[in-house]
Protein backbone atom coordinates (compact mmCIF):
# COMPACT_ATOMS: atom_id res chain seq x y z
CA MET A 1 -5.32 -41.85 50.20
CA ILE A 2 -6.78 -40.37 47.05
CA ARG A 3 -6.42 -42.21 43.76
CA GLU A 4 -4.25 -39.48 42.19
CA ARG A 5 -1.73 -39.88 45.02
CA GLU A 6 -1.73 -43.66 44.59
CA ILE A 7 -1.02 -43.23 40.87
CA GLU A 8 1.77 -40.79 41.67
CA LEU A 9 3.40 -43.27 44.07
CA LEU A 10 3.13 -46.11 41.58
CA MET A 11 4.73 -43.88 38.96
CA LEU A 12 7.60 -43.27 41.40
CA ASP A 13 8.01 -47.06 41.34
CA ARG A 14 8.62 -46.88 37.58
CA CYS A 15 5.07 -47.50 36.37
CA THR A 16 3.51 -45.52 33.57
CA LYS A 17 0.23 -43.80 34.38
CA SER A 18 -1.74 -46.47 32.49
CA GLU A 19 0.18 -49.26 34.25
CA ALA A 20 -0.50 -47.60 37.61
CA GLU A 21 -4.22 -47.38 36.85
CA LYS A 22 -4.24 -51.04 35.80
CA HIS A 23 -2.46 -52.13 38.99
CA LEU A 24 -4.97 -50.25 41.13
CA LYS A 25 -7.89 -51.72 39.17
CA ASN A 26 -6.43 -55.20 39.75
CA GLY A 27 -6.30 -54.60 43.51
CA SER A 28 -2.75 -53.50 44.22
CA THR A 29 -2.46 -51.81 47.62
CA ILE A 30 -0.22 -49.03 48.90
CA PHE A 31 0.56 -49.18 52.62
CA GLU A 32 1.46 -46.04 54.54
CA ASP A 33 1.73 -47.86 57.87
CA PHE A 34 3.45 -51.12 56.90
CA GLU A 35 6.55 -50.56 59.04
CA GLU A 36 4.53 -49.78 62.16
CA ASN A 37 2.10 -52.69 61.68
CA ILE A 38 4.16 -55.32 59.87
CA GLU A 39 3.61 -58.04 62.47
CA SER A 40 -0.16 -57.49 62.46
CA TYR A 41 -0.27 -57.68 58.67
CA LEU A 42 1.84 -60.85 58.58
CA ASP A 43 -0.43 -62.50 61.14
CA GLU A 44 -3.58 -61.33 59.33
CA TRP A 45 -2.29 -62.75 56.05
CA ASN A 46 -1.32 -66.05 57.74
CA ILE A 47 2.28 -65.80 56.53
CA GLU A 48 4.32 -68.83 57.57
CA GLU A 49 6.99 -68.07 60.16
CA GLU A 50 9.83 -69.07 57.83
CA ASP A 51 8.54 -66.58 55.20
CA LYS A 52 8.15 -63.59 57.54
CA ASP A 53 11.85 -62.72 57.39
CA GLU A 54 11.51 -61.74 53.71
CA TYR A 55 9.03 -59.00 54.71
CA ARG A 56 11.04 -57.91 57.73
CA LYS A 57 14.12 -57.63 55.53
CA MET A 58 12.14 -55.51 53.07
CA VAL A 59 11.37 -53.03 55.86
CA THR A 60 14.94 -53.04 57.18
CA ASP A 61 16.77 -52.81 53.85
CA LYS A 62 14.10 -50.98 51.79
CA ILE A 63 14.54 -53.58 49.05
CA PRO A 64 11.20 -54.90 47.76
CA ALA A 65 10.15 -58.48 48.30
CA ARG A 66 8.83 -60.42 45.30
CA ASP A 67 5.73 -58.68 43.83
CA TRP A 68 6.24 -55.63 46.08
CA GLY A 69 7.54 -52.12 45.58
CA VAL A 70 9.15 -49.69 48.00
CA VAL A 71 8.92 -45.96 47.36
CA GLU A 72 10.29 -43.11 49.43
CA ASP A 73 8.70 -39.70 48.96
CA ASN A 74 9.00 -36.59 51.13
CA GLY A 75 10.76 -38.56 53.87
CA LYS A 76 8.04 -41.24 54.09
CA THR A 77 8.31 -44.84 52.92
CA TYR A 78 5.40 -46.48 51.11
CA TYR A 79 5.10 -50.21 50.49
CA ILE A 80 3.24 -51.39 47.40
CA MET A 81 1.72 -54.86 47.28
CA TYR A 82 1.19 -55.55 43.59
CA VAL A 83 -1.59 -57.75 42.28
CA LEU A 84 -0.36 -58.97 38.91
């Protein structure tokens, strides 16, 4: 994904352009495939079993987990993992 698109998606999550640029510089990540690969990501990140439900609920309800954002654009859902 090109940087301009990442900034656009962060701005859809109520960031200003400068905030979006700062988040990307700090390492925030936008996932296009989070729903399809959630279990792989949770395993890769060594998320404890009792904490996995928070992420699963985020995908089901489209309500962001702590330090995450959820943006829908053109019929596609993007998940933003913020690095604060």
